[in-house]
Protein backbone atom coordinates (compact mmCIF):
# COMPACT_ATOMS: atom_id res chain seq x y z
CA MET A 1 53.35 15.12 132.58
CA ASN A 2 53.06 14.59 128.50
CA ILE A 3 55.78 16.58 126.97
CA ALA A 4 55.72 17.38 123.18
CA VAL A 5 59.64 17.70 121.85
CA LEU A 6 60.07 19.68 118.69
CA LEU A 7 62.72 18.25 116.51
CA LYS A 8 64.58 19.32 112.88
CA GLN A 9 67.05 16.95 111.83
CA THR A 10 69.87 19.01 109.98
CA PHE A 11 73.47 18.43 108.17
CA ASP A 12 75.87 16.38 110.32
CA THR A 13 78.24 19.31 111.79
CA GLU A 14 81.19 17.97 109.91
CA ALA A 15 79.54 17.80 106.81
CA LYS A 16 81.21 19.98 103.97
CA ILE A 17 78.77 21.79 102.38
CA GLU A 18 78.62 22.70 99.17
CA ILE A 19 76.77 25.13 96.69
CA ASP A 20 75.64 24.26 93.44
CA GLY A 21 73.03 26.77 91.37
CA GLY A 22 72.60 28.72 94.57
CA LYS A 23 71.00 25.62 96.61
CA ILE A 24 72.98 23.45 98.87
CA ASN A 25 73.75 20.03 97.59
CA LYS A 26 72.86 17.61 99.79
CA LYS A 27 74.01 14.87 97.90
CA GLY A 28 76.16 12.28 100.25
CA ILE A 29 75.12 14.38 103.64
CA GLY A 30 74.72 12.89 106.48
CA LEU A 31 71.53 13.77 108.72
CA ILE A 32 71.56 14.13 112.37
CA ILE A 33 68.87 15.68 114.93
CA ASN A 34 69.86 19.30 115.55
CA PRO A 35 72.23 19.45 118.60
CA TYR A 36 70.07 21.99 120.63
CA ASP A 37 67.40 19.50 120.01
CA GLU A 38 68.84 16.72 121.79
CA TYR A 39 69.12 19.04 125.01
CA ALA A 40 65.24 19.16 124.94
CA VAL A 41 65.10 15.33 124.32
CA GLU A 42 66.94 14.47 127.49
CA GLN A 43 65.27 16.64 129.39
CA ALA A 44 62.18 15.55 128.39
CA LEU A 45 63.22 12.19 129.34
CA GLN A 46 64.49 13.46 133.01
CA LEU A 47 61.18 15.00 133.85
CA LYS A 48 59.08 11.70 132.54
CA GLU A 49 61.61 9.48 134.41
CA LYS A 50 60.91 12.08 137.27
CA ASN A 51 57.00 13.05 137.42
CA GLY A 52 55.81 9.92 134.92
CA GLY A 53 53.67 10.25 131.85
CA GLU A 54 55.19 10.68 127.99
CA VAL A 55 57.00 11.62 125.65
CA ILE A 56 56.26 12.61 122.04
CA ILE A 57 58.53 13.41 119.72
CA ILE A 58 57.31 15.88 117.01
CA SER A 59 58.85 17.31 113.66
CA ALA A 60 57.79 18.44 110.19
CA GLY A 61 59.12 18.79 106.71
CA ALA A 62 61.24 16.06 104.71
CA GLU A 63 61.05 12.58 105.57
CA THR A 64 62.64 12.42 109.55
CA PRO A 65 61.65 8.88 110.63
CA ASP A 66 65.90 8.24 111.06
CA SER A 67 66.03 11.42 113.70
CA ILE A 68 62.87 10.29 114.99
CA ARG A 69 64.16 7.19 115.87
CA GLN A 70 67.23 8.08 117.45
CA ALA A 71 65.14 10.29 119.89
CA LEU A 72 62.81 6.78 120.74
CA ALA A 73 66.41 5.06 121.41
CA MET A 74 67.09 7.04 124.06
CA GLY A 75 63.47 6.64 125.55
CA ALA A 76 60.90 8.57 123.94
CA ASP A 77 57.62 6.89 123.56
CA LYS A 78 56.35 7.95 119.90
CA GLY A 79 56.69 10.25 117.09
CA ILE A 80 54.76 12.33 115.16
CA SER A 81 55.99 13.06 111.33
CA VAL A 82 54.45 15.58 108.81
CA GLU A 83 55.64 15.28 105.56
CA ASP A 84 53.47 16.70 102.84
CA PRO A 85 55.10 18.08 99.27
CA ALA A 86 53.75 21.87 100.25
CA LEU A 87 56.13 22.00 103.43
CA ALA A 88 59.23 21.75 100.53
CA ASP A 89 59.69 25.57 100.21
CA GLY A 90 58.38 26.82 103.64
CA ASP A 91 60.03 28.89 105.72
CA GLU A 92 59.65 29.27 109.61
CA TYR A 93 56.19 30.73 110.03
CA THR A 94 55.07 27.65 107.77
CA THR A 95 56.91 24.60 110.10
CA ALA A 96 55.36 26.69 113.12
CA VAL A 97 51.97 26.62 111.75
CA VAL A 98 52.46 23.09 111.10
CA LEU A 99 54.11 21.74 114.16
CA ALA A 100 51.50 23.46 116.55
CA LYS A 101 48.96 21.94 114.82
CA ALA A 102 50.90 19.03 114.96
CA VAL A 103 51.16 19.48 118.89
CA SER A 104 47.83 20.08 119.38
CA THR A 105 46.81 16.44 118.33
CA ASN A 106 47.65 15.03 121.80
CA PRO A 107 47.46 16.33 125.28
CA TYR A 108 50.74 18.41 126.59
CA ASP A 109 51.44 19.89 129.91
CA LEU A 110 55.08 21.10 128.40
CA VAL A 111 56.49 21.77 124.74
CA LEU A 112 60.46 21.63 125.01
CA ALA A 113 62.66 22.42 121.59
CA GLY A 114 66.09 23.38 121.15
CA TRP A 115 66.88 27.36 121.22
CA GLN A 116 68.59 27.58 117.86
CA GLY A 117 67.44 25.70 114.62
CA GLY A 118 68.00 27.57 111.45
CA SER A 119 67.30 31.22 112.48
CA ALA A 120 65.56 30.37 116.38
CA GLN A 121 62.21 31.54 115.38
CA VAL A 122 59.99 28.34 115.69
CA ALA A 123 60.23 27.49 118.85
CA VAL A 124 58.81 30.60 119.89
CA ARG A 125 56.32 31.03 117.01
CA VAL A 126 55.00 27.84 118.09
CA ALA A 127 54.49 29.08 121.84
CA GLU A 128 52.36 32.08 119.78
CA GLU A 129 50.56 29.71 118.09
CA LEU A 130 49.43 27.78 120.92
CA GLY A 131 48.99 30.82 123.00
CA LEU A 132 51.82 29.69 125.43
CA PRO A 133 53.98 31.43 127.37
CA HIS A 134 57.82 30.99 126.45
CA VAL A 135 61.32 30.58 127.87
CA ASN A 136 63.90 31.30 125.59
CA VAL A 137 68.16 29.77 126.08
CA VAL A 138 67.49 28.04 129.29
CA THR A 139 70.34 26.42 130.75
CA LYS A 140 67.87 24.96 133.72
CA LEU A 141 64.51 23.82 134.50
CA ASP A 142 62.19 22.69 137.23
CA ILE A 143 58.59 22.09 137.21
CA ALA A 144 56.54 21.71 140.06
CA ASP A 145 53.07 23.23 141.63
CA GLY A 146 51.93 23.86 137.90
CA LYS A 147 54.83 26.04 137.57
CA ALA A 148 58.26 25.92 135.17
CA THR A 149 60.88 28.32 137.20
CA ALA A 150 63.47 28.41 133.70
CA THR A 151 67.45 29.70 134.20
CA ARG A 152 68.32 31.44 131.02
CA ASP A 153 71.23 32.82 129.18
CA ILE A 154 71.65 36.73 128.68
CA GLU A 155 74.19 38.93 128.45
CA GLY A 156 76.68 39.08 131.23
CA GLY A 157 74.86 36.56 133.10
CA ASN A 158 71.80 34.56 134.16
CA GLU A 159 68.01 35.24 134.71
CA VAL A 160 65.59 33.24 136.50
CA VAL A 161 61.99 33.27 134.82
CA GLU A 162 58.76 31.61 136.53
CA VAL A 163 56.24 30.82 134.35
CA PRO A 164 52.89 28.47 134.41
CA VAL A 165 52.83 25.52 132.23
CA PRO A 166 51.61 24.45 129.97
CA ALA A 167 54.32 26.32 128.39
CA VAL A 168 57.06 26.31 125.55
CA ILE A 169 61.15 26.17 126.86
CA THR A 170 63.91 26.06 124.41
CA ALA A 171 67.05 24.43 125.54
CA HIS A 172 70.83 25.52 125.82
CA LYS A 173 74.05 23.72 126.01
CA GLY A 174 74.25 23.22 129.40
CA LEU A 175 71.33 22.56 130.53
CA ASN A 176 71.92 18.53 130.26
CA GLU A 177 74.18 15.96 128.74
CA PRO A 178 72.26 13.88 126.49
CA ARG A 179 72.62 10.45 127.06
CA TYR A 180 73.82 7.59 124.40
CA PRO A 181 71.23 5.15 123.18
CA SER A 182 71.86 1.85 124.47
CA MET A 183 71.44 -1.63 122.53
CA LYS A 184 67.97 -2.12 124.03
CA GLY A 185 66.82 1.20 123.42
CA ILE A 186 67.51 0.94 119.99
CA MET A 187 65.81 -2.49 119.56
CA GLN A 188 62.96 -1.36 121.75
CA ALA A 189 62.86 2.32 119.32
CA LYS A 190 62.00 -0.14 116.25
CA LYS A 191 58.79 -1.40 117.68
CA LYS A 192 57.49 1.98 118.77
CA PRO A 193 54.69 4.01 116.85
CA ILE A 194 55.76 6.83 114.05
CA GLN A 195 52.57 8.68 112.97
CA LYS A 196 53.06 10.17 109.55
CA LEU A 197 50.04 13.15 109.08
CA SER A 198 50.08 15.53 105.99
CA LEU A 199 48.76 18.74 106.02
CA SER A 200 45.10 17.66 105.43
CA ASP A 201 45.28 15.34 108.00
CA LEU A 202 46.09 18.22 110.50
CA GLY A 203 43.12 20.97 108.83
CA LEU A 204 45.46 22.79 107.11
CA SER A 205 45.85 23.46 103.22
CA ALA A 206 48.99 24.88 101.57
CA ASP A 207 47.61 28.36 101.13
CA GLN A 208 47.12 28.55 104.88
CA VAL A 209 51.16 27.78 105.22
CA ALA A 210 52.49 29.18 102.57
CA ALA A 211 55.79 30.89 103.33
CA ARG A 212 56.20 34.46 103.94
CA VAL A 213 59.97 34.58 103.03
CA LYS A 214 60.95 33.48 99.73
CA VAL A 215 65.15 32.33 99.53
CA GLN A 216 66.55 33.24 96.62
CA SER A 217 70.06 31.51 96.73
CA TYR A 218 72.83 30.25 98.95
CA PHE A 219 76.20 31.55 98.22
CA LEU A 220 79.59 30.59 100.42
CA PRO A 221 81.45 33.35 101.89
CA SER A 222 84.62 35.00 100.21
CA ALA A 223 87.79 33.81 100.90
CA LYS A 224 89.47 35.53 103.08
CA ALA A 225 92.73 36.93 101.88
CA ALA A 226 95.82 36.37 102.56
CA GLY A 227 97.39 38.32 105.71
CA LYS A 228 100.41 40.54 105.49
CA MET A 229 103.74 40.80 107.36
CA VAL A 230 105.26 44.17 108.50
CA PRO A 231 109.08 44.05 107.91
CA GLY A 232 111.20 45.94 109.94
CA GLU A 233 111.21 47.46 113.82
CA ALA A 234 109.59 49.91 115.13
CA PRO A 235 108.67 53.22 114.95
CA GLU A 236 109.21 52.31 111.02
CA ALA A 237 106.82 48.97 110.68
CA ALA A 238 104.72 51.27 112.82
CA ALA A 239 104.42 53.52 110.26
CA ALA A 240 103.98 51.34 107.47
CA LEU A 241 101.27 49.50 109.29
CA ALA A 242 99.29 52.65 109.55
CA GLN A 243 99.93 53.83 105.65
CA MET A 244 98.54 50.33 104.84
CA LEU A 245 95.61 50.11 107.42
CA ARG A 246 94.53 53.83 106.24
CA GLU A 247 95.40 53.29 102.18
CA GLU A 248 94.76 49.57 101.55
CA ALA A 249 92.47 48.33 104.31
CA LYS A 250 90.22 52.38 104.61
CA VAL A 251 89.86 51.96 107.97
CA ILE A 252 91.50 54.36 109.47
């Protein structure tokens, strides 16, 4: 079973985000694999261990070798990194078109990704580009007899969905517990290939992947005002609270 895993490199979850001139200041911020994509990598490795085959890590945008190397150290076989200046101002449409083309450069039986990456659009857009069924927010996955049986989170419970493979499946927390790369895996990862591709290598032009959405600026939310304590005892305190909610907060 050949499995393509879509991987995004993102800010460290403990990083302090600063805004400078309407843009995110990336200086000094550590980058890691998107945590949900780690579940996808682990699931691909478990399926490979059970069924054989190959796991290919595919990423697009800025340089991502470090994150791809981490996935290779976990046990993936090779990586593809699509790097091109035209992707710098891309959106989810851009990324999906590029990733779908990159996936198509190798034979595949399944495409896995984390369900959440930015606005959670990319993986399902890739499915549309490839003409594949997809199941989103998956917490359990079984592959057998040419079908994927996936349990996914829905509001108030779970839903079991069966689709033919190849398909696109997005991983959610609870699907598995991602492994830590071993020292042997880290050493082996240094020798595994990472293929770097440009848009022209994929047969795409800058116009074909031009962003449909433009981000005008980023800004931090306003600081929360300090809470107020209502002195006294009921019923006087309750009356004072009601007055504040009506006249100051204007919620009643």
